[in-house]
């Protein structure tokens, strides 16, 4: 009888609810929960509509479907369905004549994608990454209006890596080159003026669709565009941020291109994952300059001036 009672109790259905992830893209509140649990670095993709932000998101997901990528293995994700939705139009199952990527609609707001990764040697703990993506219309509006730019304040300030995508195929065109470069420069200038990007910011300028540039003008045109863009953005950003890099990428190169799949992405992904997030770095606090009323105060200011705020005396 006792055994029957135990068996009967064990067969009783549980009433506890299990909170499973929906697999959809995260909103800011949901992303914050992952941040608090894991301390994941935040990578913000910025750029005009059609510059390749969502294609880059899809390419990262596809790369891990093939196995090891950038010395990491896929360890799961809270947004697998969202990744698959972005990848579907590039696959044969979609029935499309050519691969494409579903663009992020403006009304979807700020979307976050989550990656959980394990080092290929399996000797280190799981790492997490949050990728922020939104419609290029947000950035186009920010160029024209300070009010619109303020809608991006929180996300740009919080970015551990601010990644600005520029359509290099348009840079290769005399018709579009000046406008594309001007808009990219104005977006950076807007964020600097508003104080969204500070001295500890890490900025990556990515020249997308590099396979099309290579096909259109060969290696000579590629070198010219990369050199001019690097010089241009280093002059604009180098003294204002911690680091600025200019890199050509081809997230989904044409099948006839000599460039490999996800060209240029492995080194970038490694740095986004492995560099210490800004929020976890120690931030030195400078002391106010003393009134210099006694000799010891003058001595301290002369002998340990690196501990004090800027002093013009």
C-alpha atoms as a PDB file:
ATOM      1  CA  UNK A   1       0.000   0.000   0.000  1.00  0.00           C
ATOM      2  CA  UNK A   2       2.836   2.370   0.858  1.00  0.00           C
ATOM      3  CA  UNK A   3       4.434   1.712  -2.514  1.00  0.00           C
ATOM      4  CA  UNK A   4       1.182   2.518  -4.275  1.00  0.00           C
ATOM      5  CA  UNK A   5       0.957   5.809  -2.406  1.00  0.00           C
ATOM      6  CA  UNK A   6       4.454   6.787  -3.459  1.00  0.00           C
ATOM      7  CA  UNK A   7       3.739   5.826  -7.066  1.00  0.00           C
ATOM      8  CA  UNK A   8       0.492   7.780  -7.062  1.00  0.00           C
ATOM      9  CA  UNK A   9       2.159  10.899  -5.700  1.00  0.00           C
ATOM     10  CA  UNK A  10       4.962  10.700  -8.253  1.00  0.00           C
ATOM     11  CA  UNK A  11       2.467  10.527 -11.090  1.00  0.00           C
ATOM     12  CA  UNK A  12       0.714  13.730 -10.095  1.00  0.00           C
ATOM     13  CA  UNK A  13       1.259  16.412 -12.770  1.00  0.00           C
ATOM     14  CA  UNK A  14       3.268  19.416 -11.645  1.00  0.00           C
ATOM     15  CA  UNK A  15       1.665  22.838 -11.629  1.00  0.00           C
ATOM     16  CA  UNK A  16       4.953  24.740 -11.765  1.00  0.00           C
ATOM     17  CA  UNK A  17       5.491  26.856 -14.876  1.00  0.00           C
ATOM     18  CA  UNK A  18       8.808  26.677 -16.723  1.00  0.00           C
ATOM     19  CA  UNK A  19       9.814  30.003 -18.246  1.00  0.00           C
ATOM     20  CA  UNK A  20      11.291  29.094 -21.628  1.00  0.00           C
ATOM     21  CA  UNK A  21      12.774  31.667 -24.007  1.00  0.00           C
ATOM     22  CA  UNK A  22      10.608  32.493 -27.015  1.00  0.00           C
ATOM     23  CA  UNK A  23      13.632  32.507 -29.272  1.00  0.00           C
ATOM     24  CA  UNK A  24      12.603  35.885 -30.673  1.00  0.00           C
ATOM     25  CA  UNK A  25      14.812  38.997 -30.677  1.00  0.00           C
ATOM     26  CA  UNK A  26      15.091  40.608 -27.252  1.00  0.00           C
ATOM     27  CA  UNK A  27      13.905  44.049 -26.243  1.00  0.00           C
ATOM     28  CA  UNK A  28      15.993  46.322 -24.001  1.00  0.00           C
ATOM     29  CA  UNK A  29      14.472  44.990 -20.786  1.00  0.00           C
ATOM     30  CA  UNK A  30      15.088  41.352 -21.728  1.00  0.00           C
ATOM     31  CA  UNK A  31      18.624  42.134 -22.824  1.00  0.00           C
ATOM     32  CA  UNK A  32      19.255  43.820 -19.463  1.00  0.00           C
ATOM     33  CA  UNK A  33      18.425  40.573 -17.675  1.00  0.00           C
ATOM     34  CA  UNK A  34      21.131  38.766 -19.653  1.00  0.00           C
ATOM     35  CA  UNK A  35      23.556  41.594 -18.962  1.00  0.00           C
ATOM     36  CA  UNK A  36      22.973  41.341 -15.221  1.00  0.00           C
ATOM     37  CA  UNK A  37      23.364  37.548 -15.272  1.00  0.00           C
ATOM     38  CA  UNK A  38      26.400  37.275 -17.543  1.00  0.00           C
ATOM     39  CA  UNK A  39      28.125  40.656 -17.932  1.00  0.00           C
ATOM     40  CA  UNK A  40      28.042  40.083 -21.706  1.00  0.00           C
ATOM     41  CA  UNK A  41      29.689  42.711 -23.907  1.00  0.00           C
ATOM     42  CA  UNK A  42      27.263  44.742 -26.045  1.00  0.00           C
ATOM     43  CA  UNK A  43      28.039  45.284 -29.728  1.00  0.00           C
ATOM     44  CA  UNK A  44      25.947  47.952 -31.467  1.00  0.00           C
ATOM     45  CA  UNK A  45      25.605  47.785 -35.245  1.00  0.00           C
ATOM     46  CA  UNK A  46      25.007  51.228 -36.757  1.00  0.00           C
ATOM     47  CA  UNK A  47      24.655  52.407 -40.326  1.00  0.00           C
ATOM     48  CA  UNK A  48      22.313  53.492 -43.088  1.00  0.00           C
ATOM     49  CA  UNK A  49      19.553  51.270 -44.434  1.00  0.00           C
ATOM     50  CA  UNK A  50      21.019  48.655 -46.755  1.00  0.00           C
ATOM     51  CA  UNK A  51      24.540  48.912 -45.348  1.00  0.00           C
ATOM     52  CA  UNK A  52      24.503  45.262 -44.270  1.00  0.00           C
ATOM     53  CA  UNK A  53      23.748  45.275 -40.529  1.00  0.00           C
ATOM     54  CA  UNK A  54      21.177  42.469 -40.558  1.00  0.00           C
ATOM     55  CA  UNK A  55      23.183  40.477 -43.108  1.00  0.00           C
ATOM     56  CA  UNK A  56      26.101  40.601 -40.678  1.00  0.00           C
ATOM     57  CA  UNK A  57      23.869  39.291 -37.878  1.00  0.00           C
ATOM     58  CA  UNK A  58      22.689  36.449 -40.124  1.00  0.00           C
ATOM     59  CA  UNK A  59      26.220  35.642 -41.275  1.00  0.00           C
ATOM     60  CA  UNK A  60      27.460  35.184 -37.714  1.00  0.00           C
ATOM     61  CA  UNK A  61      24.636  32.737 -37.039  1.00  0.00           C
ATOM     62  CA  UNK A  62      25.231  30.844 -40.288  1.00  0.00           C
ATOM     63  CA  UNK A  63      28.956  30.589 -39.570  1.00  0.00           C
ATOM     64  CA  UNK A  64      28.323  28.687 -36.358  1.00  0.00           C
ATOM     65  CA  UNK A  65      25.922  26.354 -38.161  1.00  0.00           C
ATOM     66  CA  UNK A  66      28.910  25.078 -40.122  1.00  0.00           C
ATOM     67  CA  UNK A  67      30.951  24.330 -36.998  1.00  0.00           C
ATOM     68  CA  UNK A  68      33.880  26.096 -35.344  1.00  0.00           C
ATOM     69  CA  UNK A  69      34.198  29.785 -36.136  1.00  0.00           C
ATOM     70  CA  UNK A  70      36.733  32.327 -34.861  1.00  0.00           C
ATOM     71  CA  UNK A  71      38.082  29.678 -32.431  1.00  0.00           C
ATOM     72  CA  UNK A  72      34.633  29.292 -30.842  1.00  0.00           C
ATOM     73  CA  UNK A  73      31.798  26.786 -30.932  1.00  0.00           C
ATOM     74  CA  UNK A  74      28.119  27.583 -30.621  1.00  0.00           C
ATOM     75  CA  UNK A  75      26.896  27.057 -27.072  1.00  0.00           C
ATOM     76  CA  UNK A  76      23.271  28.092 -27.483  1.00  0.00           C
ATOM     77  CA  UNK A  77      21.264  31.271 -27.783  1.00  0.00           C
ATOM     78  CA  UNK A  78      18.167  32.901 -26.347  1.00  0.00           C
ATOM     79  CA  UNK A  79      17.286  34.226 -29.839  1.00  0.00           C
ATOM     80  CA  UNK A  80      17.640  31.236 -32.167  1.00  0.00           C
ATOM     81  CA  UNK A  81      14.295  31.822 -33.882  1.00  0.00           C
ATOM     82  CA  UNK A  82      15.185  35.463 -34.537  1.00  0.00           C
ATOM     83  CA  UNK A  83      18.490  34.399 -36.102  1.00  0.00           C
ATOM     84  CA  UNK A  84      16.692  31.860 -38.296  1.00  0.00           C
ATOM     85  CA  UNK A  85      14.161  34.467 -39.422  1.00  0.00           C
ATOM     86  CA  UNK A  86      17.000  36.704 -40.585  1.00  0.00           C
ATOM     87  CA  UNK A  87      18.693  33.819 -42.412  1.00  0.00           C
ATOM     88  CA  UNK A  88      15.691  32.229 -44.137  1.00  0.00           C
ATOM     89  CA  UNK A  89      15.645  34.417 -47.261  1.00  0.00           C
ATOM     90  CA  UNK A  90      19.268  33.485 -47.993  1.00  0.00           C
ATOM     91  CA  UNK A  91      18.555  29.755 -48.074  1.00  0.00           C
ATOM     92  CA  UNK A  92      17.308  27.534 -50.869  1.00  0.00           C
ATOM     93  CA  UNK A  93      14.233  26.619 -48.810  1.00  0.00           C
ATOM     94  CA  UNK A  94      12.935  30.166 -49.301  1.00  0.00           C
ATOM     95  CA  UNK A  95      12.526  29.535 -53.048  1.00  0.00           C
ATOM     96  CA  UNK A  96      14.185  32.864 -53.873  1.00  0.00           C
ATOM     97  CA  UNK A  97      16.200  33.274 -57.070  1.00  0.00           C
ATOM     98  CA  UNK A  98      19.062  34.963 -55.185  1.00  0.00           C
ATOM     99  CA  UNK A  99      20.028  35.143 -51.493  1.00  0.00           C
ATOM    100  CA  UNK A 100      18.826  38.193 -49.592  1.00  0.00           C
ATOM    101  CA  UNK A 101      18.235  39.309 -46.012  1.00  0.00           C
ATOM    102  CA  UNK A 102      15.039  40.525 -44.420  1.00  0.00           C
ATOM    103  CA  UNK A 103      15.593  44.137 -43.368  1.00  0.00           C
ATOM    104  CA  UNK A 104      14.816  45.332 -39.863  1.00  0.00           C
ATOM    105  CA  UNK A 105      11.602  47.413 -39.901  1.00  0.00           C
ATOM    106  CA  UNK A 106      11.679  50.787 -38.159  1.00  0.00           C
ATOM    107  CA  UNK A 107       8.676  50.006 -35.978  1.00  0.00           C
ATOM    108  CA  UNK A 108      10.394  46.987 -34.412  1.00  0.00           C
ATOM    109  CA  UNK A 109      12.562  49.366 -32.387  1.00  0.00           C
ATOM    110  CA  UNK A 110      15.835  48.269 -30.798  1.00  0.00           C
ATOM    111  CA  UNK A 111      16.450  44.534 -31.188  1.00  0.00           C
ATOM    112  CA  UNK A 112      19.050  42.436 -29.397  1.00  0.00           C
ATOM    113  CA  UNK A 113      20.481  39.069 -30.464  1.00  0.00           C
ATOM    114  CA  UNK A 114      22.202  36.736 -28.029  1.00  0.00           C
ATOM    115  CA  UNK A 115      25.106  34.371 -28.613  1.00  0.00           C
ATOM    116  CA  UNK A 116      26.462  31.860 -26.092  1.00  0.00           C
ATOM    117  CA  UNK A 117      29.880  30.600 -27.187  1.00  0.00           C
ATOM    118  CA  UNK A 118      32.413  28.067 -25.977  1.00  0.00           C
ATOM    119  CA  UNK A 119      36.117  28.167 -26.784  1.00  0.00           C
ATOM    120  CA  UNK A 120      37.055  25.416 -29.237  1.00  0.00           C
ATOM    121  CA  UNK A 121      39.558  23.946 -26.769  1.00  0.00           C
ATOM    122  CA  UNK A 122      36.724  23.685 -24.174  1.00  0.00           C
ATOM    123  CA  UNK A 123      39.079  24.887 -21.446  1.00  0.00           C
ATOM    124  CA  UNK A 124      37.358  28.176 -20.735  1.00  0.00           C
ATOM    125  CA  UNK A 125      33.956  29.122 -19.400  1.00  0.00           C
ATOM    126  CA  UNK A 126      31.072  29.916 -21.731  1.00  0.00           C
ATOM    127  CA  UNK A 127      31.109  33.450 -23.113  1.00  0.00           C
ATOM    128  CA  UNK A 128      28.087  35.579 -23.971  1.00  0.00           C
ATOM    129  CA  UNK A 129      27.588  38.328 -26.539  1.00  0.00           C
ATOM    130  CA  UNK A 130      24.691  40.716 -27.140  1.00  0.00           C
ATOM    131  CA  UNK A 131      24.317  42.290 -30.572  1.00  0.00           C
ATOM    132  CA  UNK A 132      22.086  45.341 -30.971  1.00  0.00           C
ATOM    133  CA  UNK A 133      20.505  45.924 -34.369  1.00  0.00           C
ATOM    134  CA  UNK A 134      17.867  48.375 -35.522  1.00  0.00           C
ATOM    135  CA  UNK A 135      16.567  49.921 -38.695  1.00  0.00           C
ATOM    136  CA  UNK A 136      18.963  52.183 -40.567  1.00  0.00           C
ATOM    137  CA  UNK A 137      16.194  54.763 -40.511  1.00  0.00           C
ATOM    138  CA  UNK A 138      17.076  55.499 -36.888  1.00  0.00           C
ATOM    139  CA  UNK A 139      20.566  56.560 -37.927  1.00  0.00           C
ATOM    140  CA  UNK A 140      19.385  58.501 -40.958  1.00  0.00           C
ATOM    141  CA  UNK A 141      17.004  60.480 -38.732  1.00  0.00           C
ATOM    142  CA  UNK A 142      19.754  61.037 -36.163  1.00  0.00           C
ATOM    143  CA  UNK A 143      21.870  62.795 -38.785  1.00  0.00           C
ATOM    144  CA  UNK A 144      19.102  65.318 -39.474  1.00  0.00           C
ATOM    145  CA  UNK A 145      17.761  65.875 -35.957  1.00  0.00           C
ATOM    146  CA  UNK A 146      19.238  66.120 -32.468  1.00  0.00           C
ATOM    147  CA  UNK A 147      15.875  65.080 -31.052  1.00  0.00           C
ATOM    148  CA  UNK A 148      15.888  61.899 -33.136  1.00  0.00           C
ATOM    149  CA  UNK A 149      19.505  61.248 -32.143  1.00  0.00           C
ATOM    150  CA  UNK A 150      18.507  61.273 -28.471  1.00  0.00           C
ATOM    151  CA  UNK A 151      16.441  58.132 -29.107  1.00  0.00           C
ATOM    152  CA  UNK A 152      19.792  56.358 -29.524  1.00  0.00           C
ATOM    153  CA  UNK A 153      21.442  57.857 -26.454  1.00  0.00           C
ATOM    154  CA  UNK A 154      21.171  54.892 -24.085  1.00  0.00           C
ATOM    155  CA  UNK A 155      22.181  52.223 -26.566  1.00  0.00           C
ATOM    156  CA  UNK A 156      25.181  54.091 -28.024  1.00  0.00           C
ATOM    157  CA  UNK A 157      26.459  55.111 -24.584  1.00  0.00           C
ATOM    158  CA  UNK A 158      26.179  51.516 -23.379  1.00  0.00           C
ATOM    159  CA  UNK A 159      28.006  49.976 -26.348  1.00  0.00           C
ATOM    160  CA  UNK A 160      31.226  48.153 -25.551  1.00  0.00           C
ATOM    161  CA  UNK A 161      31.887  48.144 -29.288  1.00  0.00           C
ATOM    162  CA  UNK A 162      30.280  50.703 -31.600  1.00  0.00           C
ATOM    163  CA  UNK A 163      30.330  49.161 -35.084  1.00  0.00           C
ATOM    164  CA  UNK A 164      29.568  51.555 -37.940  1.00  0.00           C
ATOM    165  CA  UNK A 165      28.813  49.790 -41.230  1.00  0.00           C
ATOM    166  CA  UNK A 166      29.406  51.650 -44.500  1.00  0.00           C
ATOM    167  CA  UNK A 167      28.368  50.334 -47.918  1.00  0.00           C
ATOM    168  CA  UNK A 168      31.725  50.077 -49.698  1.00  0.00           C
ATOM    169  CA  UNK A 169      30.001  49.235 -52.973  1.00  0.00           C
ATOM    170  CA  UNK A 170      28.569  52.756 -52.931  1.00  0.00           C
ATOM    171  CA  UNK A 171      31.966  54.202 -51.977  1.00  0.00           C
ATOM    172  CA  UNK A 172      33.260  52.643 -55.190  1.00  0.00           C
ATOM    173  CA  UNK A 173      30.623  54.561 -57.183  1.00  0.00           C
ATOM    174  CA  UNK A 174      31.334  58.152 -58.196  1.00  0.00           C
ATOM    175  CA  UNK A 175      27.608  58.806 -58.074  1.00  0.00           C
ATOM    176  CA  UNK A 176      27.132  57.848 -54.418  1.00  0.00           C
ATOM    177  CA  UNK A 177      30.626  58.196 -52.894  1.00  0.00           C
ATOM    178  CA  UNK A 178      30.417  61.756 -51.602  1.00  0.00           C
ATOM    179  CA  UNK A 179      26.955  61.331 -50.083  1.00  0.00           C
ATOM    180  CA  UNK A 180      27.807  58.048 -48.339  1.00  0.00           C
ATOM    181  CA  UNK A 181      31.028  59.412 -46.852  1.00  0.00           C
ATOM    182  CA  UNK A 182      29.329  62.641 -45.785  1.00  0.00           C
ATOM    183  CA  UNK A 183      26.456  60.844 -44.029  1.00  0.00           C
ATOM    184  CA  UNK A 184      28.830  58.473 -42.233  1.00  0.00           C
ATOM    185  CA  UNK A 185      30.936  61.393 -41.055  1.00  0.00           C
ATOM    186  CA  UNK A 186      27.917  63.392 -39.883  1.00  0.00           C
ATOM    187  CA  UNK A 187      26.606  60.447 -37.864  1.00  0.00           C
ATOM    188  CA  UNK A 188      29.903  60.126 -36.002  1.00  0.00           C
ATOM    189  CA  UNK A 189      30.085  63.880 -35.504  1.00  0.00           C
ATOM    190  CA  UNK A 190      26.552  63.922 -34.089  1.00  0.00           C
ATOM    191  CA  UNK A 191      27.410  61.274 -31.481  1.00  0.00           C
ATOM    192  CA  UNK A 192      30.626  63.081 -30.546  1.00  0.00           C
ATOM    193  CA  UNK A 193      28.836  66.422 -30.143  1.00  0.00           C
ATOM    194  CA  UNK A 194      26.177  64.846 -27.915  1.00  0.00           C
ATOM    195  CA  UNK A 195      28.768  63.008 -25.848  1.00  0.00           C
ATOM    196  CA  UNK A 196      27.470  59.535 -26.676  1.00  0.00           C
ATOM    197  CA  UNK A 197      30.959  58.335 -27.697  1.00  0.00           C
ATOM    198  CA  UNK A 198      33.667  59.173 -25.185  1.00  0.00           C
ATOM    199  CA  UNK A 199      37.350  58.603 -24.635  1.00  0.00           C
ATOM    200  CA  UNK A 200      36.843  54.956 -23.631  1.00  0.00           C
ATOM    201  CA  UNK A 201      34.775  54.034 -26.707  1.00  0.00           C
ATOM    202  CA  UNK A 202      35.908  51.341 -29.132  1.00  0.00           C
ATOM    203  CA  UNK A 203      34.834  52.112 -32.706  1.00  0.00           C
ATOM    204  CA  UNK A 204      34.927  49.767 -35.687  1.00  0.00           C
ATOM    205  CA  UNK A 205      34.286  51.149 -39.178  1.00  0.00           C
ATOM    206  CA  UNK A 206      33.321  48.217 -41.397  1.00  0.00           C
ATOM    207  CA  UNK A 207      33.445  48.526 -45.183  1.00  0.00           C
ATOM    208  CA  UNK A 208      30.742  46.070 -46.224  1.00  0.00           C
ATOM    209  CA  UNK A 209      30.104  44.245 -49.529  1.00  0.00           C
ATOM    210  CA  UNK A 210      33.840  44.049 -50.174  1.00  0.00           C
ATOM    211  CA  UNK A 211      33.296  41.270 -52.706  1.00  0.00           C
ATOM    212  CA  UNK A 212      31.412  43.718 -54.951  1.00  0.00           C
ATOM    213  CA  UNK A 213      34.225  46.284 -54.720  1.00  0.00           C
ATOM    214  CA  UNK A 214      36.779  43.632 -55.627  1.00  0.00           C
ATOM    215  CA  UNK A 215      34.697  42.507 -58.594  1.00  0.00           C
ATOM    216  CA  UNK A 216      34.148  46.070 -59.813  1.00  0.00           C
ATOM    217  CA  UNK A 217      37.659  47.468 -59.581  1.00  0.00           C
ATOM    218  CA  UNK A 218      40.083  44.795 -58.476  1.00  0.00           C
ATOM    219  CA  UNK A 219      42.642  45.028 -55.695  1.00  0.00           C
ATOM    220  CA  UNK A 220      43.748  48.511 -56.742  1.00  0.00           C
ATOM    221  CA  UNK A 221      40.320  50.017 -56.052  1.00  0.00           C
ATOM    222  CA  UNK A 222      40.078  48.045 -52.793  1.00  0.00           C
ATOM    223  CA  UNK A 223      43.397  49.450 -51.552  1.00  0.00           C
ATOM    224  CA  UNK A 224      42.393  52.987 -52.509  1.00  0.00           C
ATOM    225  CA  UNK A 225      39.020  52.872 -50.724  1.00  0.00           C
ATOM    226  CA  UNK A 226      40.473  51.269 -47.605  1.00  0.00           C
ATOM    227  CA  UNK A 227      43.355  53.755 -47.454  1.00  0.00           C
ATOM    228  CA  UNK A 228      41.197  56.850 -47.967  1.00  0.00           C
ATOM    229  CA  UNK A 229      38.544  55.681 -45.487  1.00  0.00           C
ATOM    230  CA  UNK A 230      41.132  54.756 -42.855  1.00  0.00           C
ATOM    231  CA  UNK A 231      42.815  58.153 -43.102  1.00  0.00           C
ATOM    232  CA  UNK A 232      39.471  59.961 -43.057  1.00  0.00           C
ATOM    233  CA  UNK A 233      38.089  58.291 -39.921  1.00  0.00           C
ATOM    234  CA  UNK A 234      41.377  58.272 -38.058  1.00  0.00           C
ATOM    235  CA  UNK A 235      41.527  62.029 -38.478  1.00  0.00           C
ATOM    236  CA  UNK A 236      37.946  62.363 -37.239  1.00  0.00           C
ATOM    237  CA  UNK A 237      37.977  59.852 -34.392  1.00  0.00           C
ATOM    238  CA  UNK A 238      41.475  58.927 -33.251  1.00  0.00           C
ATOM    239  CA  UNK A 239      41.901  61.618 -30.580  1.00  0.00           C
ATOM    240  CA  UNK A 240      38.311  61.232 -29.327  1.00  0.00           C
ATOM    241  CA  UNK A 241      38.005  57.497 -28.690  1.00  0.00           C
ATOM    242  CA  UNK A 242      40.070  54.729 -27.212  1.00  0.00           C
ATOM    243  CA  UNK A 243      40.405  52.890 -30.490  1.00  0.00           C
ATOM    244  CA  UNK A 244      39.203  53.170 -34.062  1.00  0.00           C
ATOM    245  CA  UNK A 245      39.651  50.415 -36.651  1.00  0.00           C
ATOM    246  CA  UNK A 246      38.705  50.316 -40.313  1.00  0.00           C
ATOM    247  CA  UNK A 247      38.119  46.829 -41.717  1.00  0.00           C
ATOM    248  CA  UNK A 248      36.741  45.508 -45.038  1.00  0.00           C
ATOM    249  CA  UNK A 249      34.239  42.668 -44.700  1.00  0.00           C
ATOM    250  CA  UNK A 250      32.014  40.530 -46.896  1.00  0.00           C
ATOM    251  CA  UNK A 251      29.449  38.898 -44.638  1.00  0.00           C
ATOM    252  CA  UNK A 252      27.871  36.957 -47.500  1.00  0.00           C
ATOM    253  CA  UNK A 253      30.146  37.165 -50.567  1.00  0.00           C
ATOM    254  CA  UNK A 254      28.942  36.205 -54.027  1.00  0.00           C
ATOM    255  CA  UNK A 255      29.521  32.519 -54.745  1.00  0.00           C
ATOM    256  CA  UNK A 256      31.941  33.436 -57.569  1.00  0.00           C
ATOM    257  CA  UNK A 257      34.007  35.755 -55.350  1.00  0.00           C
ATOM    258  CA  UNK A 258      37.483  34.602 -54.241  1.00  0.00           C
ATOM    259  CA  UNK A 259      36.662  35.895 -50.762  1.00  0.00           C
ATOM    260  CA  UNK A 260      35.697  33.286 -48.226  1.00  0.00           C
ATOM    261  CA  UNK A 261      32.384  33.146 -46.379  1.00  0.00           C
ATOM    262  CA  UNK A 262      32.201  35.709 -43.551  1.00  0.00           C
ATOM    263  CA  UNK A 263      35.337  37.394 -44.872  1.00  0.00           C
ATOM    264  CA  UNK A 264      36.920  39.675 -42.250  1.00  0.00           C
ATOM    265  CA  UNK A 265      34.653  38.605 -39.390  1.00  0.00           C
ATOM    266  CA  UNK A 266      36.645  36.064 -37.296  1.00  0.00           C
ATOM    267  CA  UNK A 267      39.186  38.548 -35.857  1.00  0.00           C
ATOM    268  CA  UNK A 268      36.457  41.095 -35.192  1.00  0.00           C
ATOM    269  CA  UNK A 269      34.260  38.590 -33.378  1.00  0.00           C
ATOM    270  CA  UNK A 270      37.167  37.445 -31.221  1.00  0.00           C
ATOM    271  CA  UNK A 271      37.909  40.992 -30.103  1.00  0.00           C
ATOM    272  CA  UNK A 272      34.235  41.707 -29.357  1.00  0.00           C
ATOM    273  CA  UNK A 273      34.081  38.644 -27.126  1.00  0.00           C
ATOM    274  CA  UNK A 274      37.476  38.709 -25.454  1.00  0.00           C
ATOM    275  CA  UNK A 275      38.125  42.377 -24.751  1.00  0.00           C
ATOM    276  CA  UNK A 276      37.013  43.425 -21.287  1.00  0.00           C
ATOM    277  CA  UNK A 277      33.596  45.163 -21.361  1.00  0.00           C
ATOM    278  CA  UNK A 278      33.775  48.865 -20.551  1.00  0.00           C
ATOM    279  CA  UNK A 279      31.563  48.470 -17.479  1.00  0.00           C
ATOM    280  CA  UNK A 280      34.022  45.995 -15.935  1.00  0.00           C
ATOM    281  CA  UNK A 281      37.151  48.062 -16.513  1.00  0.00           C
ATOM    282  CA  UNK A 282      38.582  50.053 -13.631  1.00  0.00           C
ATOM    283  CA  UNK A 283      38.048  53.770 -14.143  1.00  0.00           C
ATOM    284  CA  UNK A 284      40.681  55.919 -12.405  1.00  0.00           C
ATOM    285  CA  UNK A 285      39.267  58.894 -10.516  1.00  0.00           C
ATOM    286  CA  UNK A 286      41.409  62.021 -10.580  1.00  0.00           C
ATOM    287  CA  UNK A 287      41.691  64.182  -7.500  1.00  0.00           C
ATOM    288  CA  UNK A 288      40.738  67.859  -7.588  1.00  0.00           C
ATOM    289  CA  UNK A 289      43.694  70.227  -7.631  1.00  0.00           C
ATOM    290  CA  UNK A 290      44.403  71.377  -4.037  1.00  0.00           C
ATOM    291  CA  UNK A 291      44.338  75.017  -3.047  1.00  0.00           C
ATOM    292  CA  UNK A 292      48.162  75.039  -2.743  1.00  0.00           C
ATOM    293  CA  UNK A 293      48.074  76.774   0.615  1.00  0.00           C
ATOM    294  CA  UNK A 294      50.886  74.804   2.219  1.00  0.00           C
ATOM    295  CA  UNK A 295      54.221  73.499   0.858  1.00  0.00           C
ATOM    296  CA  UNK A 296      53.107  69.843   0.989  1.00  0.00           C
ATOM    297  CA  UNK A 297      50.226  70.533  -1.396  1.00  0.00           C
ATOM    298  CA  UNK A 298      52.626  72.072  -3.908  1.00  0.00           C
ATOM    299  CA  UNK A 299      54.988  69.120  -3.458  1.00  0.00           C
ATOM    300  CA  UNK A 300      52.196  66.586  -4.096  1.00  0.00           C
ATOM    301  CA  UNK A 301      51.049  68.410  -7.228  1.00  0.00           C
ATOM    302  CA  UNK A 302      54.580  68.472  -8.644  1.00  0.00           C
ATOM    303  CA  UNK A 303      55.626  64.931  -7.715  1.00  0.00           C
ATOM    304  CA  UNK A 304      52.356  63.077  -8.430  1.00  0.00           C
ATOM    305  CA  UNK A 305      50.592  65.289 -10.941  1.00  0.00           C
ATOM    306  CA  UNK A 306      49.170  62.205 -12.752  1.00  0.00           C
ATOM    307  CA  UNK A 307      46.798  61.755  -9.784  1.00  0.00           C
ATOM    308  CA  UNK A 308      45.181  65.161 -10.225  1.00  0.00           C
ATOM    309  CA  UNK A 309      42.800  66.764 -12.707  1.00  0.00           C
ATOM    310  CA  UNK A 310      44.246  68.970 -15.439  1.00  0.00           C
ATOM    311  CA  UNK A 311      45.981  72.001 -14.025  1.00  0.00           C
ATOM    312  CA  UNK A 312      46.995  75.060 -16.050  1.00  0.00           C
ATOM    313  CA  UNK A 313      49.268  76.547 -13.373  1.00  0.00           C
END
